């Protein structure tokens, strides 16, 4: 279970980075 939690945390952090990168690349997408 702990491994799954760590994987989930890593995934969410990676996903947040991807979202931030996408927003920074498309600032006028709002």
PDB file of N, CA and C in Angstrom:
ATOM      1  N   UNK A   1       0.840  -1.209   0.000  1.00  0.00           N
ATOM      2  CA  UNK A   1       0.000   0.000   0.000  1.00  0.00           C
ATOM      3  C   UNK A   1       0.874   1.258   0.000  1.00  0.00           C
ATOM      4  N   UNK A   2       1.922   1.240   0.776  1.00  0.00           N
ATOM      5  CA  UNK A   2       2.796   2.410   0.836  1.00  0.00           C
ATOM      6  C   UNK A   2       3.384   2.705  -0.545  1.00  0.00           C
ATOM      7  N   UNK A   3       3.794   1.665  -1.251  1.00  0.00           N
ATOM      8  CA  UNK A   3       4.349   1.871  -2.588  1.00  0.00           C
ATOM      9  C   UNK A   3       3.313   2.530  -3.486  1.00  0.00           C
ATOM     10  N   UNK A   4       2.077   2.101  -3.360  1.00  0.00           N
ATOM     11  CA  UNK A   4       1.030   2.694  -4.191  1.00  0.00           C
ATOM     12  C   UNK A   4       0.850   4.168  -3.862  1.00  0.00           C
ATOM     13  N   UNK A   5       0.932   4.490  -2.589  1.00  0.00           N
ATOM     14  CA  UNK A   5       0.792   5.892  -2.179  1.00  0.00           C
ATOM     15  C   UNK A   5       1.940   6.719  -2.757  1.00  0.00           C
ATOM     16  N   UNK A   6       3.148   6.197  -2.673  1.00  0.00           N
ATOM     17  CA  UNK A   6       4.296   6.931  -3.206  1.00  0.00           C
ATOM     18  C   UNK A   6       4.149   7.112  -4.712  1.00  0.00           C
ATOM     19  N   UNK A   7       3.697   6.070  -5.390  1.00  0.00           N
ATOM     20  CA  UNK A   7       3.512   6.186  -6.839  1.00  0.00           C
ATOM     21  C   UNK A   7       2.438   7.222  -7.148  1.00  0.00           C
ATOM     22  N   UNK A   8       1.393   7.241  -6.341  1.00  0.00           N
ATOM     23  CA  UNK A   8       0.313   8.203  -6.550  1.00  0.00           C
ATOM     24  C   UNK A   8       0.828   9.628  -6.356  1.00  0.00           C
ATOM     25  N   UNK A   9       1.637   9.822  -5.317  1.00  0.00           N
ATOM     26  CA  UNK A   9       2.199  11.149  -5.058  1.00  0.00           C
ATOM     27  C   UNK A   9       3.103  11.566  -6.217  1.00  0.00           C
ATOM     28  N   UNK A  10       3.950  10.666  -6.659  1.00  0.00           N
ATOM     29  CA  UNK A  10       4.842  10.997  -7.770  1.00  0.00           C
ATOM     30  C   UNK A  10       4.032  11.336  -9.012  1.00  0.00           C
ATOM     31  N   UNK A  11       2.973  10.573  -9.243  1.00  0.00           N
ATOM     32  CA  UNK A  11       2.144  10.812 -10.427  1.00  0.00           C
ATOM     33  C   UNK A  11       1.457  12.170 -10.339  1.00  0.00           C
ATOM     34  N   UNK A  12       0.893  12.489  -9.183  1.00  0.00           N
ATOM     35  CA  UNK A  12       0.186  13.764  -9.047  1.00  0.00           C
ATOM     36  C   UNK A  12       1.161  14.930  -9.186  1.00  0.00           C
ATOM     37  N   UNK A  13       2.352  14.796  -8.617  1.00  0.00           N
ATOM     38  CA  UNK A  13       3.338  15.872  -8.744  1.00  0.00           C
ATOM     39  C   UNK A  13       3.752  16.034 -10.202  1.00  0.00           C
ATOM     40  N   UNK A  14       3.977  14.907 -10.887  1.00  0.00           N
ATOM     41  CA  UNK A  14       4.354  14.970 -12.295  1.00  0.00           C
ATOM     42  C   UNK A  14       3.232  15.608 -13.112  1.00  0.00           C
ATOM     43  N   UNK A  15       1.999  15.211 -12.797  1.00  0.00           N
ATOM     44  CA  UNK A  15       0.846  15.729 -13.523  1.00  0.00           C
ATOM     45  C   UNK A  15       0.701  17.233 -13.297  1.00  0.00           C
ATOM     46  N   UNK A  16       0.930  17.674 -12.075  1.00  0.00           N
ATOM     47  CA  UNK A  16       0.845  19.106 -11.790  1.00  0.00           C
ATOM     48  C   UNK A  16       1.898  19.866 -12.584  1.00  0.00           C
ATOM     49  N   UNK A  17       3.087  19.295 -12.695  1.00  0.00           N
ATOM     50  CA  UNK A  17       4.148  19.945 -13.462  1.00  0.00           C
ATOM     51  C   UNK A  17       3.751  20.050 -14.926  1.00  0.00           C
ATOM     52  N   UNK A  18       3.157  18.990 -15.453  1.00  0.00           N
ATOM     53  CA  UNK A  18       2.740  18.998 -16.858  1.00  0.00           C
ATOM     54  C   UNK A  18       1.669  20.066 -17.071  1.00  0.00           C
ATOM     55  N   UNK A  19       0.741  20.153 -16.139  1.00  0.00           N
ATOM     56  CA  UNK A  19      -0.334  21.150 -16.258  1.00  0.00           C
ATOM     57  C   UNK A  19       0.255  22.557 -16.207  1.00  0.00           C
ATOM     58  N   UNK A  20       1.175  22.793 -15.298  1.00  0.00           N
ATOM     59  CA  UNK A  20       1.795  24.115 -15.185  1.00  0.00           C
ATOM     60  C   UNK A  20       2.568  24.445 -16.457  1.00  0.00           C
ATOM     61  N   UNK A  21       3.271  23.458 -17.000  1.00  0.00           N
ATOM     62  CA  UNK A  21       4.032  23.691 -18.227  1.00  0.00           C
ATOM     63  C   UNK A  21       3.091  24.020 -19.378  1.00  0.00           C
ATOM     64  N   UNK A  22       1.978  23.311 -19.432  1.00  0.00           N
ATOM     65  CA  UNK A  22       1.019  23.559 -20.506  1.00  0.00           C
ATOM     66  C   UNK A  22       0.442  24.964 -20.382  1.00  0.00           C
ATOM     67  N   UNK A  23       0.136  25.383 -19.166  1.00  0.00           N
ATOM     68  CA  UNK A  23      -0.424  26.723 -18.960  1.00  0.00           C
ATOM     69  C   UNK A  23       0.605  27.788 -19.327  1.00  0.00           C
ATOM     70  N   UNK A  24       1.842  27.573 -18.950  1.00  0.00           N
ATOM     71  CA  UNK A  24       2.876  28.563 -19.232  1.00  0.00           C
ATOM     72  C   UNK A  24       3.149  28.641 -20.733  1.00  0.00           C
ATOM     73  N   UNK A  25       2.962  27.524 -21.433  1.00  0.00           N
ATOM     74  CA  UNK A  25       3.189  27.528 -22.875  1.00  0.00           C
ATOM     75  C   UNK A  25       2.004  28.163 -23.605  1.00  0.00           C
ATOM     76  N   UNK A  26       0.817  28.092 -23.000  1.00  0.00           N
ATOM     77  CA  UNK A  26      -0.382  28.655 -23.623  1.00  0.00           C
ATOM     78  C   UNK A  26      -1.037  29.646 -22.660  1.00  0.00           C
ATOM     79  N   UNK A  27      -0.438  30.791 -22.461  1.00  0.00           N
ATOM     80  CA  UNK A  27      -0.964  31.753 -21.486  1.00  0.00           C
ATOM     81  C   UNK A  27      -2.287  32.365 -21.934  1.00  0.00           C
ATOM     82  N   UNK A  28      -2.571  32.346 -23.220  1.00  0.00           N
ATOM     83  CA  UNK A  28      -3.799  32.961 -23.722  1.00  0.00           C
ATOM     84  C   UNK A  28      -4.901  31.931 -23.919  1.00  0.00           C
ATOM     85  N   UNK A  29      -4.733  30.742 -23.362  1.00  0.00           N
ATOM     86  CA  UNK A  29      -5.745  29.691 -23.536  1.00  0.00           C
ATOM     87  C   UNK A  29      -6.947  29.951 -22.644  1.00  0.00           C
ATOM     88  N   UNK A  30      -6.837  30.932 -21.749  1.00  0.00           N
ATOM     89  CA  UNK A  30      -7.960  31.216 -20.855  1.00  0.00           C
ATOM     90  C   UNK A  30      -9.114  31.737 -21.690  1.00  0.00           C
TER      91      UNK A  30
END
